[in-house]
Amino acid sequence: MARAKKPVEEYSFTSIRIQNQKAKVGASINHKAKDKRYQHDELRVYQFDLYLEIAGICTYPEDREGEKYLFTVYGDQSDQGDLNARLREFHVKDKNGDPKYRKLRGYHQPVDRLYSNWKSYPAGPYILEF
């Protein structure tokens, strides 16, 4: 039985004139941190949304001239820095450094610092558009 030939990859340069661009950056407190059903120690407390959209028209090569292109780039949250706080970092500790728990409806729930001032923050997410 003959083997199928591997397709040859072809590369070409394309020139695109940008007509429009849109960027969104959003930051908020993760809504899942407030809901006990979704809470776990590794949950990120802060949530960020990054989005970039670029629209343009092809100018080169000539056989593609006039074709419209739309590029969309979505950002991913980095694991670096101070804004990468996990829910376990907000647990209240006792004098021995162990997490405190309270009994709520028959279940033991960790006590955290998120709820002390939760109502003082306006609802998010906060989005900046350019």
Protein backbone atom coordinates (compact mmCIF):
# COMPACT_ATOMS: atom_id res chain seq x y z
CA MET A 1 0.00 0.00 0.00
CA ALA A 2 1.42 3.37 -1.02
CA ARG A 3 1.85 6.07 1.58
CA ALA A 4 0.06 9.36 1.13
CA LYS A 5 2.39 12.27 0.55
CA LYS A 6 2.63 14.88 3.22
CA PRO A 7 1.19 18.19 2.00
CA VAL A 8 3.77 20.89 1.37
CA GLU A 9 3.23 24.03 3.43
CA GLU A 10 3.32 27.25 1.47
CA TYR A 11 4.04 30.67 2.97
CA SER A 12 3.33 34.04 1.44
CA PHE A 13 3.48 37.64 2.60
CA THR A 14 0.32 39.66 2.91
CA SER A 15 -0.02 43.39 3.40
CA ILE A 16 -3.16 44.65 5.17
CA ARG A 17 -4.18 48.29 5.62
CA ILE A 18 -5.78 48.74 9.04
CA GLN A 19 -9.18 50.43 8.93
CA ASN A 20 -10.44 49.94 12.45
CA GLN A 21 -9.29 48.63 15.82
CA LYS A 22 -11.04 47.98 19.10
CA ALA A 23 -9.58 47.10 22.48
CA LYS A 24 -11.29 46.18 25.75
CA VAL A 25 -9.69 45.79 29.14
CA GLY A 26 -11.79 44.70 32.10
CA ALA A 27 -11.02 44.12 35.76
CA SER A 28 -13.32 42.98 38.54
CA ILE A 29 -13.62 40.81 41.61
CA ASN A 30 -14.40 37.27 40.50
CA HIS A 31 -18.15 36.73 40.99
CA LYS A 32 -17.51 33.08 41.86
CA ALA A 33 -15.63 34.17 44.99
CA LYS A 34 -18.93 35.38 46.49
CA ASP A 35 -20.89 32.19 45.76
CA LYS A 36 -20.13 29.34 48.19
CA ARG A 37 -21.00 26.74 45.53
CA TYR A 38 -17.96 27.70 43.43
CA GLN A 39 -15.44 28.55 46.15
CA HIS A 40 -12.23 26.58 46.43
CA ASP A 41 -8.76 27.49 47.66
CA GLU A 42 -7.24 27.90 44.18
CA LEU A 43 -9.97 30.26 42.89
CA ARG A 44 -8.58 33.57 41.61
CA VAL A 45 -10.11 36.50 43.47
CA TYR A 46 -9.54 39.07 40.71
CA GLN A 47 -10.73 38.56 37.15
CA PHE A 48 -9.29 40.29 34.07
CA ASP A 49 -10.54 40.38 30.49
CA LEU A 50 -8.33 41.43 27.58
CA TYR A 51 -9.54 41.72 23.99
CA LEU A 52 -8.11 43.26 20.80
CA GLU A 53 -9.82 43.36 17.41
CA ILE A 54 -8.18 44.67 14.22
CA ALA A 55 -10.02 45.04 10.89
CA GLY A 56 -8.40 45.84 7.55
CA ILE A 57 -8.28 45.40 3.78
CA CYS A 58 -5.64 43.43 1.91
CA THR A 59 -3.38 45.45 -0.42
CA TYR A 60 -0.86 42.75 -1.41
CA PRO A 61 -0.73 40.30 -3.20
CA GLU A 62 -2.71 41.68 -6.12
CA ASP A 63 -4.94 38.61 -6.48
CA ARG A 64 -6.22 39.18 -2.91
CA GLU A 65 -6.45 42.96 -3.12
CA GLY A 66 -9.67 44.29 -1.59
CA GLU A 67 -10.38 41.25 0.62
CA LYS A 68 -11.45 42.11 4.17
CA TYR A 69 -9.65 40.66 7.20
CA LEU A 70 -10.59 40.61 10.87
CA PHE A 71 -8.08 39.59 13.55
CA THR A 72 -9.18 38.96 17.13
CA VAL A 73 -6.74 38.45 20.01
CA TYR A 74 -7.87 37.34 23.47
CA GLY A 75 -5.57 37.79 26.45
CA ASP A 76 -5.03 35.22 29.16
CA GLN A 77 -4.53 36.02 32.82
CA SER A 78 -0.91 35.82 33.90
CA ASP A 79 0.22 33.76 36.88
CA GLN A 80 2.69 36.51 37.85
CA GLY A 81 2.30 39.49 40.18
CA ASP A 82 0.23 40.70 43.11
CA LEU A 83 -3.09 40.59 41.24
CA ASN A 84 -2.97 36.81 41.04
CA ALA A 85 -4.31 36.34 44.58
CA ARG A 86 -6.04 33.05 45.34
CA LEU A 87 -8.95 32.65 47.73
CA ARG A 88 -6.79 30.75 50.26
CA GLU A 89 -4.78 33.97 50.82
CA PHE A 90 -7.92 35.70 52.17
CA HIS A 91 -8.72 33.06 54.84
CA VAL A 92 -8.68 34.43 58.38
CA LYS A 93 -6.08 32.64 60.52
CA ASP A 94 -6.16 31.88 64.23
CA LYS A 95 -3.22 32.52 66.60
CA ASN A 96 -1.53 29.28 65.43
CA GLY A 97 -1.77 30.22 61.75
CA ASP A 98 -4.51 27.70 60.96
CA PRO A 99 -7.59 28.78 58.94
CA LYS A 100 -10.67 29.62 61.00
CA TYR A 101 -13.98 27.92 60.23
CA ARG A 102 -17.60 28.67 61.15
CA LYS A 103 -20.62 26.42 61.08
CA LEU A 104 -23.23 27.60 58.57
CA ARG A 105 -26.37 25.51 57.94
CA GLY A 106 -24.66 22.42 59.29
CA TYR A 107 -21.49 22.78 57.19
CA HIS A 108 -18.09 24.12 58.16
CA GLN A 109 -17.19 27.13 56.00
CA PRO A 110 -13.80 28.90 56.03
CA VAL A 111 -13.91 32.45 57.36
CA ASP A 112 -12.46 34.88 54.83
CA ARG A 113 -11.84 38.62 54.61
CA LEU A 114 -13.78 39.02 51.36
CA TYR A 115 -17.19 39.40 52.99
CA SER A 116 -16.32 42.07 55.54
CA ASN A 117 -16.46 44.92 52.99
CA TRP A 118 -18.18 43.15 50.10
CA LYS A 119 -21.26 45.40 50.04
CA SER A 120 -19.14 48.58 49.91
CA TYR A 121 -17.91 47.76 46.38
CA PRO A 122 -20.16 48.67 43.44
CA ALA A 123 -21.08 45.83 41.10
CA GLY A 124 -18.56 45.06 38.33
CA PRO A 125 -17.17 44.23 35.86
CA TYR A 126 -15.41 47.46 35.07
CA ILE A 127 -14.65 47.81 31.36
CA LEU A 128 -12.51 50.43 29.64
CA GLU A 129 -13.06 50.85 25.92
CA PHE A 130 -10.66 52.62 23.57
